[in-house]
Amino acid sequence: METEETVQQIREEAKKYFEEACPSHDWSHVERVYDLCNIIGEKEKAEMFILKLAALLHDIGRKKEMENPIELDHAIISAELALGILKKHNIDEESINKVIHCISSHRFRKEIKPETKEARILFDADKLDSIGAIGVARAYAWAGNKSIKLYSDKNYLGDGYEKEHSPLTEFLYKLSKVKDSLFTETARKIAEQRHQFMASFFTQLKQEIDSSQLCL
């Protein structure tokens, strides 16, 4: 049944998958994505029940992915886990299929394209949380968790996280492209300021690292 009570029940179930999660992908990330989905979804006139469930469940497979991040895809794992949860809560088949598509297609690096309005909004909300001030904070939480350098402007060498990788490298080769990858007009408006802040941060960082750029 499509009720707020069902959403809250699934929220509590989803939350259990984030115990001891890395700060860059913990439950607070899910809450921010959920809130962004609500904002964007209302503006874009989305099917909110579908969007809320997808937002709550979109990352529940991350803990499993960490067991083998090279071969496992958290979006696919999340979709598989979500299927069982949604069936347990007697969600109708059509709604389940819509939620599963949203979850399966939310990754930045993806083969499955978001084809529905709700899938595109989840994609956008998830990406918005990777830029701006929160994006900087998450980038450094992620780097600390992987013992990656604070600073390096070396080229991104592949799919792994090599010793010369850093939050700056992540910005140059991935996060700087986020604003141009978004689908919805609402998300693109939100992204503009966040992108500018993040770009300014890394410009300032480079100036502080390179003393030759100091202006006295």
N, C-alpha and C. Protein backbone atom coordinates (compact mmCIF):
# COMPACT_ATOMS: atom_id res chain seq x y z
N MET A 1 0.85 -1.19 0.00
CA MET A 1 0.00 0.00 0.00
C MET A 1 0.88 1.25 0.00
N GLU A 2 0.51 2.21 -0.79
CA GLU A 2 1.31 3.42 -0.94
C GLU A 2 1.00 4.41 0.18
N THR A 3 1.61 4.21 1.33
CA THR A 3 1.36 5.09 2.47
C THR A 3 2.68 5.59 3.04
N GLU A 4 2.60 6.69 3.79
CA GLU A 4 3.77 7.22 4.46
C GLU A 4 4.28 6.23 5.50
N GLU A 5 3.37 5.46 6.08
CA GLU A 5 3.77 4.44 7.06
C GLU A 5 4.69 3.41 6.41
N THR A 6 4.37 3.02 5.18
CA THR A 6 5.21 2.07 4.46
C THR A 6 6.59 2.66 4.20
N VAL A 7 6.63 3.92 3.82
CA VAL A 7 7.91 4.60 3.57
C VAL A 7 8.75 4.59 4.85
N GLN A 8 8.14 4.89 5.97
CA GLN A 8 8.88 4.93 7.23
C GLN A 8 9.36 3.56 7.65
N GLN A 9 8.57 2.54 7.42
CA GLN A 9 8.98 1.17 7.73
C GLN A 9 10.20 0.76 6.90
N ILE A 10 10.17 1.11 5.62
CA ILE A 10 11.29 0.77 4.74
C ILE A 10 12.50 1.62 5.10
N ARG A 11 12.29 2.85 5.52
CA ARG A 11 13.40 3.70 5.99
C ARG A 11 14.15 3.01 7.13
N GLU A 12 13.42 2.52 8.11
CA GLU A 12 14.05 1.87 9.26
C GLU A 12 14.79 0.60 8.85
N GLU A 13 14.25 -0.11 7.88
CA GLU A 13 14.91 -1.33 7.40
C GLU A 13 16.18 -1.00 6.63
N ALA A 14 16.10 0.04 5.79
CA ALA A 14 17.26 0.43 4.98
C ALA A 14 18.40 0.92 5.87
N LYS A 15 18.07 1.62 6.92
CA LYS A 15 19.08 2.22 7.81
C LYS A 15 20.02 1.17 8.40
N LYS A 16 19.53 -0.03 8.59
CA LYS A 16 20.33 -1.09 9.19
C LYS A 16 21.52 -1.48 8.33
N TYR A 17 21.47 -1.19 7.03
CA TYR A 17 22.56 -1.57 6.13
C TYR A 17 23.75 -0.62 6.23
N PHE A 18 23.66 0.42 7.04
CA PHE A 18 24.71 1.44 7.07
C PHE A 18 25.45 1.51 8.41
N GLU A 19 25.32 0.48 9.20
CA GLU A 19 26.08 0.42 10.45
C GLU A 19 27.56 0.33 10.13
N GLU A 20 28.36 1.19 10.76
CA GLU A 20 29.81 1.24 10.57
C GLU A 20 30.22 1.61 9.14
N ALA A 21 29.34 2.32 8.43
CA ALA A 21 29.66 2.73 7.05
C ALA A 21 30.67 3.87 7.06
N CYS A 22 31.47 3.96 6.00
CA CYS A 22 32.39 5.07 5.82
C CYS A 22 31.59 6.37 5.76
N PRO A 23 32.09 7.46 6.37
CA PRO A 23 31.35 8.73 6.37
C PRO A 23 30.99 9.25 4.97
N SER A 24 31.75 8.87 3.96
CA SER A 24 31.45 9.36 2.62
C SER A 24 30.20 8.70 2.03
N HIS A 25 29.82 7.53 2.56
CA HIS A 25 28.63 6.85 2.06
C HIS A 25 27.84 6.25 3.23
N ASP A 26 27.63 7.05 4.26
CA ASP A 26 26.88 6.56 5.41
C ASP A 26 25.40 6.92 5.28
N TRP A 27 24.64 6.71 6.35
CA TRP A 27 23.21 6.96 6.31
C TRP A 27 22.89 8.43 6.06
N SER A 28 23.77 9.33 6.52
CA SER A 28 23.50 10.76 6.30
C SER A 28 23.50 11.09 4.81
N HIS A 29 24.30 10.37 4.01
CA HIS A 29 24.26 10.55 2.55
C HIS A 29 22.88 10.18 2.02
N VAL A 30 22.35 9.07 2.48
CA VAL A 30 21.02 8.64 2.04
C VAL A 30 19.97 9.68 2.42
N GLU A 31 20.07 10.22 3.62
CA GLU A 31 19.10 11.24 4.06
C GLU A 31 19.17 12.49 3.19
N ARG A 32 20.40 12.89 2.82
CA ARG A 32 20.53 14.09 1.97
C ARG A 32 19.97 13.82 0.57
N VAL A 33 20.24 12.65 0.04
CA VAL A 33 19.71 12.29 -1.28
C VAL A 33 18.18 12.23 -1.22
N TYR A 34 17.66 11.67 -0.15
CA TYR A 34 16.21 11.60 0.04
C TYR A 34 15.60 13.00 0.05
N ASP A 35 16.21 13.91 0.79
CA ASP A 35 15.70 15.28 0.86
C ASP A 35 15.77 15.97 -0.50
N LEU A 36 16.88 15.77 -1.22
CA LEU A 36 17.00 16.36 -2.56
C LEU A 36 15.97 15.77 -3.52
N CYS A 37 15.72 14.48 -3.40
CA CYS A 37 14.70 13.84 -4.24
C CYS A 37 13.33 14.45 -3.98
N ASN A 38 13.05 14.75 -2.72
CA ASN A 38 11.77 15.38 -2.39
C ASN A 38 11.66 16.76 -3.03
N ILE A 39 12.74 17.55 -2.93
CA ILE A 39 12.74 18.90 -3.49
C ILE A 39 12.61 18.87 -5.01
N ILE A 40 13.47 18.06 -5.64
CA ILE A 40 13.47 17.99 -7.10
C ILE A 40 12.19 17.32 -7.61
N GLY A 41 11.80 16.26 -6.92
CA GLY A 41 10.62 15.51 -7.35
C GLY A 41 9.35 16.35 -7.34
N GLU A 42 9.18 17.19 -6.31
CA GLU A 42 8.00 18.06 -6.25
C GLU A 42 8.03 19.07 -7.40
N LYS A 43 9.20 19.63 -7.67
CA LYS A 43 9.32 20.61 -8.76
C LYS A 43 9.07 19.97 -10.11
N GLU A 44 9.56 18.73 -10.28
CA GLU A 44 9.48 18.06 -11.57
C GLU A 44 8.23 17.19 -11.71
N LYS A 45 7.37 17.23 -10.67
CA LYS A 45 6.10 16.48 -10.68
C LYS A 45 6.32 14.98 -10.88
N ALA A 46 7.18 14.43 -10.05
CA ALA A 46 7.50 13.01 -10.12
C ALA A 46 6.50 12.18 -9.31
N GLU A 47 6.56 10.88 -9.49
CA GLU A 47 5.77 9.94 -8.69
C GLU A 47 6.52 9.75 -7.36
N MET A 48 6.10 10.45 -6.33
CA MET A 48 6.90 10.60 -5.12
C MET A 48 7.05 9.31 -4.33
N PHE A 49 6.04 8.45 -4.32
CA PHE A 49 6.17 7.18 -3.59
C PHE A 49 7.32 6.37 -4.15
N ILE A 50 7.41 6.27 -5.46
CA ILE A 50 8.49 5.54 -6.12
C ILE A 50 9.83 6.17 -5.79
N LEU A 51 9.89 7.48 -5.89
CA LEU A 51 11.14 8.21 -5.67
C LEU A 51 11.63 8.08 -4.23
N LYS A 52 10.72 8.17 -3.28
CA LYS A 52 11.11 8.04 -1.87
C LYS A 52 11.70 6.67 -1.58
N LEU A 53 11.04 5.62 -2.07
CA LEU A 53 11.55 4.27 -1.83
C LEU A 53 12.90 4.06 -2.50
N ALA A 54 13.04 4.54 -3.71
CA ALA A 54 14.31 4.39 -4.44
C ALA A 54 15.44 5.12 -3.72
N ALA A 55 15.17 6.32 -3.22
CA ALA A 55 16.19 7.09 -2.51
C ALA A 55 16.64 6.36 -1.25
N LEU A 56 15.71 5.81 -0.50
CA LEU A 56 16.04 5.13 0.74
C LEU A 56 16.85 3.86 0.50
N LEU A 57 16.62 3.20 -0.62
CA LEU A 57 17.22 1.89 -0.86
C LEU A 57 18.38 1.91 -1.84
N HIS A 58 18.72 3.06 -2.40
CA HIS A 58 19.64 3.08 -3.54
C HIS A 58 21.06 2.64 -3.20
N ASP A 59 21.47 2.73 -1.95
CA ASP A 59 22.85 2.39 -1.59
C ASP A 59 22.97 1.24 -0.60
N ILE A 60 21.93 0.47 -0.40
CA ILE A 60 22.00 -0.57 0.63
C ILE A 60 22.97 -1.70 0.27
N GLY A 61 23.44 -1.73 -0.95
CA GLY A 61 24.40 -2.76 -1.36
C GLY A 61 25.86 -2.34 -1.22
N ARG A 62 26.12 -1.16 -0.70
CA ARG A 62 27.51 -0.67 -0.65
C ARG A 62 28.40 -1.51 0.26
N LYS A 63 27.88 -1.92 1.39
CA LYS A 63 28.69 -2.72 2.32
C LYS A 63 29.13 -4.02 1.65
N LYS A 64 28.23 -4.64 0.91
CA LYS A 64 28.56 -5.88 0.18
C LYS A 64 29.57 -5.59 -0.91
N GLU A 65 29.45 -4.47 -1.60
CA GLU A 65 30.39 -4.12 -2.67
C GLU A 65 31.82 -4.02 -2.15
N MET A 66 31.99 -3.54 -0.92
CA MET A 66 33.32 -3.34 -0.36
C MET A 66 34.08 -4.64 -0.18
N GLU A 67 33.38 -5.77 -0.19
CA GLU A 67 34.06 -7.06 -0.10
C GLU A 67 34.87 -7.35 -1.36
N ASN A 68 34.42 -6.80 -2.48
CA ASN A 68 35.14 -6.99 -3.74
C ASN A 68 34.76 -5.86 -4.69
N PRO A 69 35.30 -4.63 -4.44
CA PRO A 69 34.87 -3.45 -5.20
C PRO A 69 35.23 -3.48 -6.68
N ILE A 70 36.17 -4.33 -7.07
CA ILE A 70 36.54 -4.42 -8.48
C ILE A 70 35.46 -5.13 -9.29
N GLU A 71 34.90 -6.20 -8.73
CA GLU A 71 33.95 -7.02 -9.47
C GLU A 71 32.49 -6.75 -9.13
N LEU A 72 32.22 -6.26 -7.93
CA LEU A 72 30.84 -6.07 -7.49
C LEU A 72 30.37 -4.64 -7.75
N ASP A 73 29.10 -4.51 -8.07
CA ASP A 73 28.47 -3.21 -8.37
C ASP A 73 27.38 -2.95 -7.34
N HIS A 74 27.57 -1.92 -6.51
CA HIS A 74 26.61 -1.69 -5.43
C HIS A 74 25.21 -1.38 -5.94
N ALA A 75 25.10 -0.80 -7.13
CA ALA A 75 23.77 -0.50 -7.67
C ALA A 75 22.99 -1.78 -7.95
N ILE A 76 23.67 -2.76 -8.52
CA ILE A 76 23.02 -4.04 -8.82
C ILE A 76 22.70 -4.78 -7.53
N ILE A 77 23.65 -4.77 -6.58
CA ILE A 77 23.42 -5.43 -5.30
C ILE A 77 22.26 -4.75 -4.56
N SER A 78 22.26 -3.43 -4.57
CA SER A 78 21.18 -2.68 -3.91
C SER A 78 19.83 -3.03 -4.52
N ALA A 79 19.78 -3.15 -5.84
CA ALA A 79 18.53 -3.49 -6.51
C ALA A 79 18.05 -4.88 -6.10
N GLU A 80 18.98 -5.81 -6.00
CA GLU A 80 18.62 -7.17 -5.59
C GLU A 80 18.09 -7.21 -4.16
N LEU A 81 18.77 -6.50 -3.26
CA LEU A 81 18.32 -6.45 -1.87
C LEU A 81 16.99 -5.72 -1.75
N ALA A 82 16.84 -4.64 -2.52
CA ALA A 82 15.60 -3.86 -2.49
C ALA A 82 14.41 -4.69 -2.95
N LEU A 83 14.63 -5.56 -3.92
CA LEU A 83 13.55 -6.40 -4.43
C LEU A 83 12.93 -7.21 -3.29
N GLY A 84 13.78 -7.81 -2.48
CA GLY A 84 13.28 -8.61 -1.37
C GLY A 84 12.53 -7.76 -0.34
N ILE A 85 13.05 -6.58 -0.06
CA ILE A 85 12.42 -5.69 0.92
C ILE A 85 11.05 -5.23 0.41
N LEU A 86 10.99 -4.83 -0.84
CA LEU A 86 9.74 -4.33 -1.40
C LEU A 86 8.67 -5.42 -1.45
N LYS A 87 9.07 -6.63 -1.80
CA LYS A 87 8.11 -7.75 -1.82
C LYS A 87 7.59 -8.03 -0.42
N LYS A 88 8.49 -7.97 0.56
CA LYS A 88 8.10 -8.22 1.95
C LYS A 88 7.05 -7.23 2.43
N HIS A 89 7.13 -6.00 1.90
CA HIS A 89 6.17 -4.96 2.29
C HIS A 89 4.97 -4.90 1.35
N ASN A 90 4.82 -5.92 0.52
CA ASN A 90 3.65 -6.06 -0.36
C ASN A 90 3.46 -4.88 -1.31
N ILE A 91 4.58 -4.35 -1.80
CA ILE A 91 4.51 -3.32 -2.83
C ILE A 91 4.09 -3.98 -4.14
N ASP A 92 3.23 -3.33 -4.90
CA ASP A 92 2.74 -3.94 -6.13
C ASP A 92 3.88 -4.06 -7.16
N GLU A 93 3.72 -5.00 -8.08
CA GLU A 93 4.79 -5.34 -9.03
C GLU A 93 5.20 -4.17 -9.91
N GLU A 94 4.25 -3.39 -10.36
CA GLU A 94 4.58 -2.25 -11.22
C GLU A 94 5.46 -1.24 -10.47
N SER A 95 5.10 -0.96 -9.23
CA SER A 95 5.89 -0.03 -8.42
C SER A 95 7.28 -0.60 -8.14
N ILE A 96 7.34 -1.89 -7.84
CA ILE A 96 8.63 -2.54 -7.60
C ILE A 96 9.55 -2.37 -8.81
N ASN A 97 9.03 -2.61 -10.00
CA ASN A 97 9.83 -2.50 -11.21
C ASN A 97 10.36 -1.07 -11.40
N LYS A 98 9.53 -0.10 -11.08
CA LYS A 98 9.94 1.31 -11.21
C LYS A 98 11.06 1.64 -10.22
N VAL A 99 10.90 1.19 -8.98
CA VAL A 99 11.92 1.45 -7.96
C VAL A 99 13.23 0.77 -8.32
N ILE A 100 13.15 -0.47 -8.76
CA ILE A 100 14.35 -1.23 -9.11
C ILE A 100 15.09 -0.57 -10.26
N HIS A 101 14.37 -0.04 -11.23
CA HIS A 101 15.04 0.66 -12.34
C HIS A 101 15.77 1.90 -11.83
N CYS A 102 15.15 2.64 -10.95
CA CYS A 102 15.80 3.83 -10.38
C CYS A 102 17.13 3.44 -9.72
N ILE A 103 17.08 2.42 -8.90
CA ILE A 103 18.27 2.00 -8.15
C ILE A 103 19.35 1.48 -9.10
N SER A 104 18.96 0.67 -10.05
CA SER A 104 19.92 0.04 -10.97
C SER A 104 20.66 1.05 -11.83
N SER A 105 20.05 2.21 -12.06
CA SER A 105 20.60 3.17 -13.03
C SER A 105 21.17 4.43 -12.40
N HIS A 106 21.41 4.42 -11.08
CA HIS A 106 21.79 5.67 -10.42
C HIS A 106 23.29 5.96 -10.41
N ARG A 107 24.12 5.01 -10.83
CA ARG A 107 25.57 5.21 -10.74
C ARG A 107 26.08 6.21 -11.78
N PHE A 108 27.15 6.91 -11.41
CA PHE A 108 27.82 7.83 -12.36
C PHE A 108 28.44 7.03 -13.50
N ARG A 109 29.20 6.00 -13.13
CA ARG A 109 29.73 5.08 -14.15
C ARG A 109 28.71 3.96 -14.29
N LYS A 110 28.01 3.95 -15.39
CA LYS A 110 26.88 3.03 -15.49
C LYS A 110 26.70 2.52 -16.92
N GLU A 111 26.13 1.35 -17.01
CA GLU A 111 25.72 0.81 -18.31
C GLU A 111 24.20 0.94 -18.46
N ILE A 112 23.50 0.91 -17.33
CA ILE A 112 22.05 1.05 -17.35
C ILE A 112 21.69 2.53 -17.28
N LYS A 113 21.02 3.03 -18.27
CA LYS A 113 20.67 4.45 -18.34
C LYS A 113 19.35 4.71 -17.61
N PRO A 114 19.25 5.81 -16.86
CA PRO A 114 17.98 6.15 -16.22
C PRO A 114 16.96 6.61 -17.26
N GLU A 115 15.90 5.85 -17.43
CA GLU A 115 14.94 6.10 -18.51
C GLU A 115 13.67 6.81 -18.03
N THR A 116 13.38 6.77 -16.74
CA THR A 116 12.16 7.37 -16.23
C THR A 116 12.48 8.68 -15.50
N LYS A 117 11.44 9.49 -15.29
CA LYS A 117 11.63 10.74 -14.57
C LYS A 117 12.19 10.49 -13.18
N GLU A 118 11.64 9.49 -12.50
CA GLU A 118 12.07 9.19 -11.14
C GLU A 118 13.52 8.70 -11.11
N ALA A 119 13.90 7.90 -12.08
CA ALA A 119 15.29 7.41 -12.14
C ALA A 119 16.26 8.55 -12.38
N ARG A 120 15.87 9.47 -13.22
CA ARG A 120 16.73 10.62 -13.52
C ARG A 120 16.85 11.55 -12.31
N ILE A 121 15.77 11.69 -11.57
CA ILE A 121 15.83 12.53 -10.37
C ILE A 121 16.72 11.89 -9.32
N LEU A 122 16.62 10.58 -9.11
CA LEU A 122 17.51 9.90 -8.15
C LEU A 122 18.95 10.05 -8.60
N PHE A 123 19.22 9.86 -9.87
CA PHE A 123 20.57 10.05 -10.40
C PHE A 123 21.07 11.46 -10.07
N ASP A 124 20.24 12.45 -10.35
CA ASP A 124 20.63 13.84 -10.13
C ASP A 124 20.88 14.12 -8.64
N ALA A 125 19.99 13.66 -7.79
CA ALA A 125 20.12 13.92 -6.35
C ALA A 125 21.39 13.26 -5.80
N ASP A 126 21.66 12.06 -6.23
CA ASP A 126 22.86 11.35 -5.78
C ASP A 126 24.12 12.08 -6.22
N LYS A 127 24.12 12.62 -7.44
CA LYS A 127 25.29 13.34 -7.94
C LYS A 127 25.45 14.71 -7.28
N LEU A 128 24.34 15.37 -7.00
CA LEU A 128 24.41 16.66 -6.33
C LEU A 128 25.10 16.54 -4.98
N ASP A 129 24.91 15.42 -4.33
CA ASP A 129 25.52 15.23 -3.01
C ASP A 129 27.02 14.97 -3.10
N SER A 130 27.54 14.86 -4.31
CA SER A 130 28.98 14.64 -4.48
C SER A 130 29.73 15.93 -4.80
N ILE A 131 29.02 17.06 -4.90
CA ILE A 131 29.68 18.33 -5.21
C ILE A 131 29.29 19.39 -4.19
N GLY A 132 29.94 20.55 -4.27
CA GLY A 132 29.70 21.60 -3.30
C GLY A 132 30.50 21.37 -2.03
N ALA A 133 30.12 22.05 -0.95
CA ALA A 133 30.82 21.90 0.33
C ALA A 133 30.73 20.46 0.83
N ILE A 134 29.54 19.86 0.71
CA ILE A 134 29.40 18.47 1.15
C ILE A 134 30.25 17.55 0.26
N GLY A 135 30.39 17.90 -1.00
CA GLY A 135 31.23 17.11 -1.89
C GLY A 135 32.69 17.14 -1.48
N VAL A 136 33.18 18.31 -1.07
CA VAL A 136 34.55 18.41 -0.58
C VAL A 136 34.72 17.56 0.67
N ALA A 137 33.77 17.69 1.60
CA ALA A 137 33.85 16.92 2.85
C ALA A 137 33.85 15.42 2.57
N ARG A 138 32.98 14.99 1.67
CA ARG A 138 32.90 13.56 1.35
C ARG A 138 34.16 13.08 0.63
N ALA A 139 34.71 13.92 -0.24
CA ALA A 139 35.91 13.53 -0.97
C ALA A 139 37.06 13.25 -0.01
N TYR A 140 37.18 14.07 1.04
CA TYR A 140 38.28 13.87 1.99
C TYR A 140 37.98 12.75 2.98
N ALA A 141 36.71 12.52 3.29
CA ALA A 141 36.36 11.36 4.10
C ALA A 141 36.70 10.08 3.35
N TRP A 142 36.38 10.07 2.06
CA TRP A 142 36.69 8.92 1.19
C TRP A 142 38.19 8.71 1.09
N ALA A 143 38.94 9.82 0.91
CA ALA A 143 40.40 9.72 0.78
C ALA A 143 41.03 9.20 2.07
N GLY A 144 40.53 9.69 3.21
CA GLY A 144 41.06 9.22 4.48
C GLY A 144 40.79 7.75 4.70
N ASN A 145 39.63 7.30 4.31
CA ASN A 145 39.26 5.89 4.48
C ASN A 145 40.16 4.98 3.65
N LYS A 146 40.65 5.50 2.50
CA LYS A 146 41.50 4.70 1.62
C LYS A 146 42.98 5.05 1.75
N SER A 147 43.31 5.92 2.72
CA SER A 147 44.70 6.36 2.94
C SER A 147 45.30 6.96 1.67
N ILE A 148 44.50 7.76 0.98
CA ILE A 148 44.91 8.42 -0.25
C ILE A 148 45.44 9.82 0.09
N LYS A 149 46.32 10.32 -0.74
CA LYS A 149 46.94 11.63 -0.52
C LYS A 149 45.90 12.75 -0.37
N LEU A 150 46.28 13.76 0.45
CA LEU A 150 45.47 14.97 0.53
C LEU A 150 45.49 15.74 -0.78
N TYR A 151 46.63 15.68 -1.48
CA TYR A 151 46.79 16.50 -2.68
C TYR A 151 47.66 15.81 -3.70
N SER A 152 47.22 15.80 -4.93
CA SER A 152 48.01 15.35 -6.07
C SER A 152 47.27 15.80 -7.31
N ASP A 153 48.00 16.32 -8.29
CA ASP A 153 47.34 16.69 -9.54
C ASP A 153 47.79 15.77 -10.68
N LYS A 154 48.26 14.57 -10.30
CA LYS A 154 48.65 13.59 -11.31
C LYS A 154 47.43 13.10 -12.06
N ASN A 155 47.67 12.57 -13.26
CA ASN A 155 46.57 12.06 -14.06
C ASN A 155 45.91 10.88 -13.38
N TYR A 156 44.61 10.76 -13.56
CA TYR A 156 43.87 9.60 -13.08
C TYR A 156 44.23 8.43 -13.98
N LEU A 157 44.75 7.38 -13.35
CA LEU A 157 45.41 6.33 -14.13
C LEU A 157 44.52 5.15 -14.49
N GLY A 158 43.31 5.08 -13.95
CA GLY A 158 42.47 3.94 -14.26
C GLY A 158 41.32 3.82 -13.29
N ASP A 159 40.75 2.62 -13.18
CA ASP A 159 39.59 2.41 -12.34
C ASP A 159 39.96 2.20 -10.88
N GLY A 160 41.19 1.89 -10.57
CA GLY A 160 41.60 1.72 -9.18
C GLY A 160 41.95 3.05 -8.56
N TYR A 161 42.33 3.03 -7.29
CA TYR A 161 42.69 4.26 -6.59
C TYR A 161 44.19 4.21 -6.30
N GLU A 162 44.99 4.64 -7.29
CA GLU A 162 46.43 4.54 -7.22
C GLU A 162 47.02 5.53 -6.24
N LYS A 163 48.30 5.37 -5.94
CA LYS A 163 48.94 6.17 -4.91
C LYS A 163 48.96 7.66 -5.25
N GLU A 164 48.83 8.02 -6.52
CA GLU A 164 48.84 9.43 -6.90
C GLU A 164 47.43 10.01 -7.01
N HIS A 165 46.43 9.21 -6.66
CA HIS A 165 45.06 9.72 -6.68
C HIS A 165 44.84 10.61 -5.47
N SER A 166 43.86 11.53 -5.56
CA SER A 166 43.56 12.43 -4.46
C SER A 166 42.19 13.05 -4.71
N PRO A 167 41.63 13.76 -3.71
CA PRO A 167 40.37 14.46 -3.97
C PRO A 167 40.45 15.45 -5.13
N LEU A 168 41.61 16.09 -5.31
CA LEU A 168 41.75 16.99 -6.44
C LEU A 168 41.65 16.23 -7.76
N THR A 169 42.32 15.09 -7.84
CA THR A 169 42.24 14.26 -9.04
C THR A 169 40.80 13.83 -9.28
N GLU A 170 40.11 13.47 -8.20
CA GLU A 170 38.71 13.06 -8.31
C GLU A 170 37.86 14.21 -8.86
N PHE A 171 38.16 15.42 -8.42
CA PHE A 171 37.43 16.59 -8.94
C PHE A 171 37.74 16.82 -10.41
N LEU A 172 39.02 16.80 -10.77
CA LEU A 172 39.41 17.10 -12.14
C LEU A 172 38.82 16.12 -13.14
N TYR A 173 38.79 14.85 -12.78
CA TYR A 173 38.44 13.82 -13.77
C TYR A 173 37.03 13.27 -13.60
N LYS A 174 36.33 13.66 -12.52
CA LYS A 174 34.97 13.13 -12.33
C LYS A 174 34.01 14.21 -11.84
N LEU A 175 34.27 14.78 -10.68
CA LEU A 175 33.30 15.65 -10.04
C LEU A 175 33.08 16.96 -10.79
N SER A 176 34.09 17.42 -11.51
CA SER A 176 33.92 18.65 -12.30
C SER A 176 32.94 18.45 -13.45
N LYS A 177 32.65 17.21 -13.79
CA LYS A 177 31.75 16.90 -14.90
C LYS A 177 30.31 16.68 -14.45
N VAL A 178 30.10 16.66 -13.14
CA VAL A 178 28.78 16.32 -12.61
C VAL A 178 27.70 17.26 -13.11
N LYS A 179 27.94 18.57 -13.04
CA LYS A 179 26.87 19.53 -13.37
C LYS A 179 26.38 19.38 -14.81
N ASP A 180 27.25 18.91 -15.69
CA ASP A 180 26.85 18.74 -17.09
C ASP A 180 26.25 17.37 -17.37
N SER A 181 26.22 16.51 -16.35
CA SER A 181 25.66 15.17 -16.53
C SER A 181 24.24 15.05 -16.02
N LEU A 182 23.73 16.11 -15.40
CA LEU A 182 22.41 16.05 -14.76
C LEU A 182 21.28 16.15 -15.76
N PHE A 183 20.15 15.56 -15.41
CA PHE A 183 19.02 15.47 -16.33
C PHE A 183 17.99 16.57 -16.13
N THR A 184 17.69 16.92 -14.90
CA THR A 184 16.55 17.80 -14.64
C THR A 184 16.97 19.26 -14.51
N GLU A 185 16.07 20.14 -14.89
CA GLU A 185 16.34 21.58 -14.80
C GLU A 185 16.56 22.00 -13.35
N THR A 186 15.76 21.45 -12.45
CA THR A 186 15.89 21.80 -11.04
C THR A 186 17.26 21.44 -10.50
N ALA A 187 17.73 20.25 -10.82
CA ALA A 187 19.04 19.80 -10.34
C ALA A 187 20.16 20.64 -10.94
N ARG A 188 20.02 21.00 -12.20
CA ARG A 188 21.07 21.81 -12.84
C ARG A 188 21.18 23.18 -12.17
N LYS A 189 20.06 23.74 -11.75
CA LYS A 189 20.08 25.03 -11.04
C LYS A 189 20.82 24.89 -9.71
N ILE A 190 20.53 23.83 -8.98
CA ILE A 190 21.19 23.59 -7.70
C ILE A 190 22.68 23.37 -7.91
N ALA A 191 23.03 22.69 -9.00
CA ALA A 191 24.42 22.32 -9.25
C ALA A 191 25.32 23.51 -9.53
N GLU A 192 24.80 24.57 -10.10
CA GLU A 192 25.64 25.70 -10.50
C GLU A 192 26.44 26.26 -9.33
N GLN A 193 25.77 26.59 -8.24
CA GLN A 193 26.47 27.16 -7.10
C GLN A 193 27.40 26.15 -6.45
N ARG A 194 26.95 24.91 -6.36
CA ARG A 194 27.78 23.87 -5.75
C ARG A 194 29.06 23.65 -6.56
N HIS A 195 28.91 23.64 -7.87
CA HIS A 195 30.09 23.45 -8.73
C HIS A 195 31.07 24.60 -8.53
N GLN A 196 30.57 25.81 -8.53
CA GLN A 196 31.45 26.98 -8.38
C GLN A 196 32.20 26.93 -7.04
N PHE A 197 31.51 26.56 -5.99
CA PHE A 197 32.16 26.47 -4.69
C PHE A 197 33.29 25.44 -4.72
N MET A 198 33.01 24.27 -5.27
CA MET A 198 34.01 23.20 -5.28
C MET A 198 35.20 23.57 -6.16
N ALA A 199 34.93 24.18 -7.30
CA ALA A 199 36.02 24.63 -8.17
C ALA A 199 36.88 25.66 -7.45
N SER A 200 36.24 26.59 -6.75
CA SER A 200 36.98 27.61 -6.01
C SER A 200 37.83 27.00 -4.91
N PHE A 201 37.28 25.99 -4.24
CA PHE A 201 38.02 25.33 -3.18
C PHE A 201 39.32 24.73 -3.70
N PHE A 202 39.23 23.99 -4.81
CA PHE A 202 40.43 23.33 -5.31
C PHE A 202 41.39 24.32 -5.96
N THR A 203 40.89 25.42 -6.48
CA THR A 203 41.78 26.49 -6.95
C THR A 203 42.56 27.06 -5.78
N GLN A 204 41.87 27.34 -4.68
CA GLN A 204 42.52 27.86 -3.48
C GLN A 204 43.53 26.84 -2.93
N LEU A 205 43.16 25.57 -2.94
CA LEU A 205 44.06 24.52 -2.46
C LEU A 205 45.36 24.50 -3.25
N LYS A 206 45.23 24.59 -4.57
CA LYS A 206 46.43 24.58 -5.42
C LYS A 206 47.31 25.78 -5.13
N GLN A 207 46.71 26.93 -4.88
CA GLN A 207 47.47 28.13 -4.57
C GLN A 207 48.22 27.98 -3.25
N GLU A 208 47.59 27.36 -2.28
CA GLU A 208 48.23 27.17 -0.98
C GLU A 208 49.32 26.11 -1.03
N ILE A 209 49.14 25.12 -1.87
CA ILE A 209 50.15 24.08 -2.02
C ILE A 209 51.38 24.62 -2.75
N ASP A 210 51.15 25.42 -3.79
CA ASP A 210 52.23 25.96 -4.62
C ASP A 210 52.58 27.37 -4.13
N SER A 211 53.61 27.50 -3.34
CA SER A 211 53.95 28.79 -2.75
C SER A 211 54.32 29.84 -3.78
N SER A 212 54.67 29.42 -5.01
CA SER A 212 55.01 30.38 -6.05
C SER A 212 53.81 31.21 -6.47
N GLN A 213 52.59 30.73 -6.12
CA GLN A 213 51.37 31.45 -6.51
C GLN A 213 50.92 32.45 -5.44
N LEU A 214 51.68 32.54 -4.33
CA LEU A 214 51.31 33.49 -3.28
C LEU A 214 51.45 34.93 -3.76
N CYS A 215 50.48 35.73 -3.43
CA CYS A 215 50.53 37.16 -3.78
C CYS A 215 50.68 37.95 -2.47
N LEU A 216 51.85 38.53 -2.25
CA LEU A 216 52.14 39.27 -1.00
C LEU A 216 52.27 40.76 -1.28
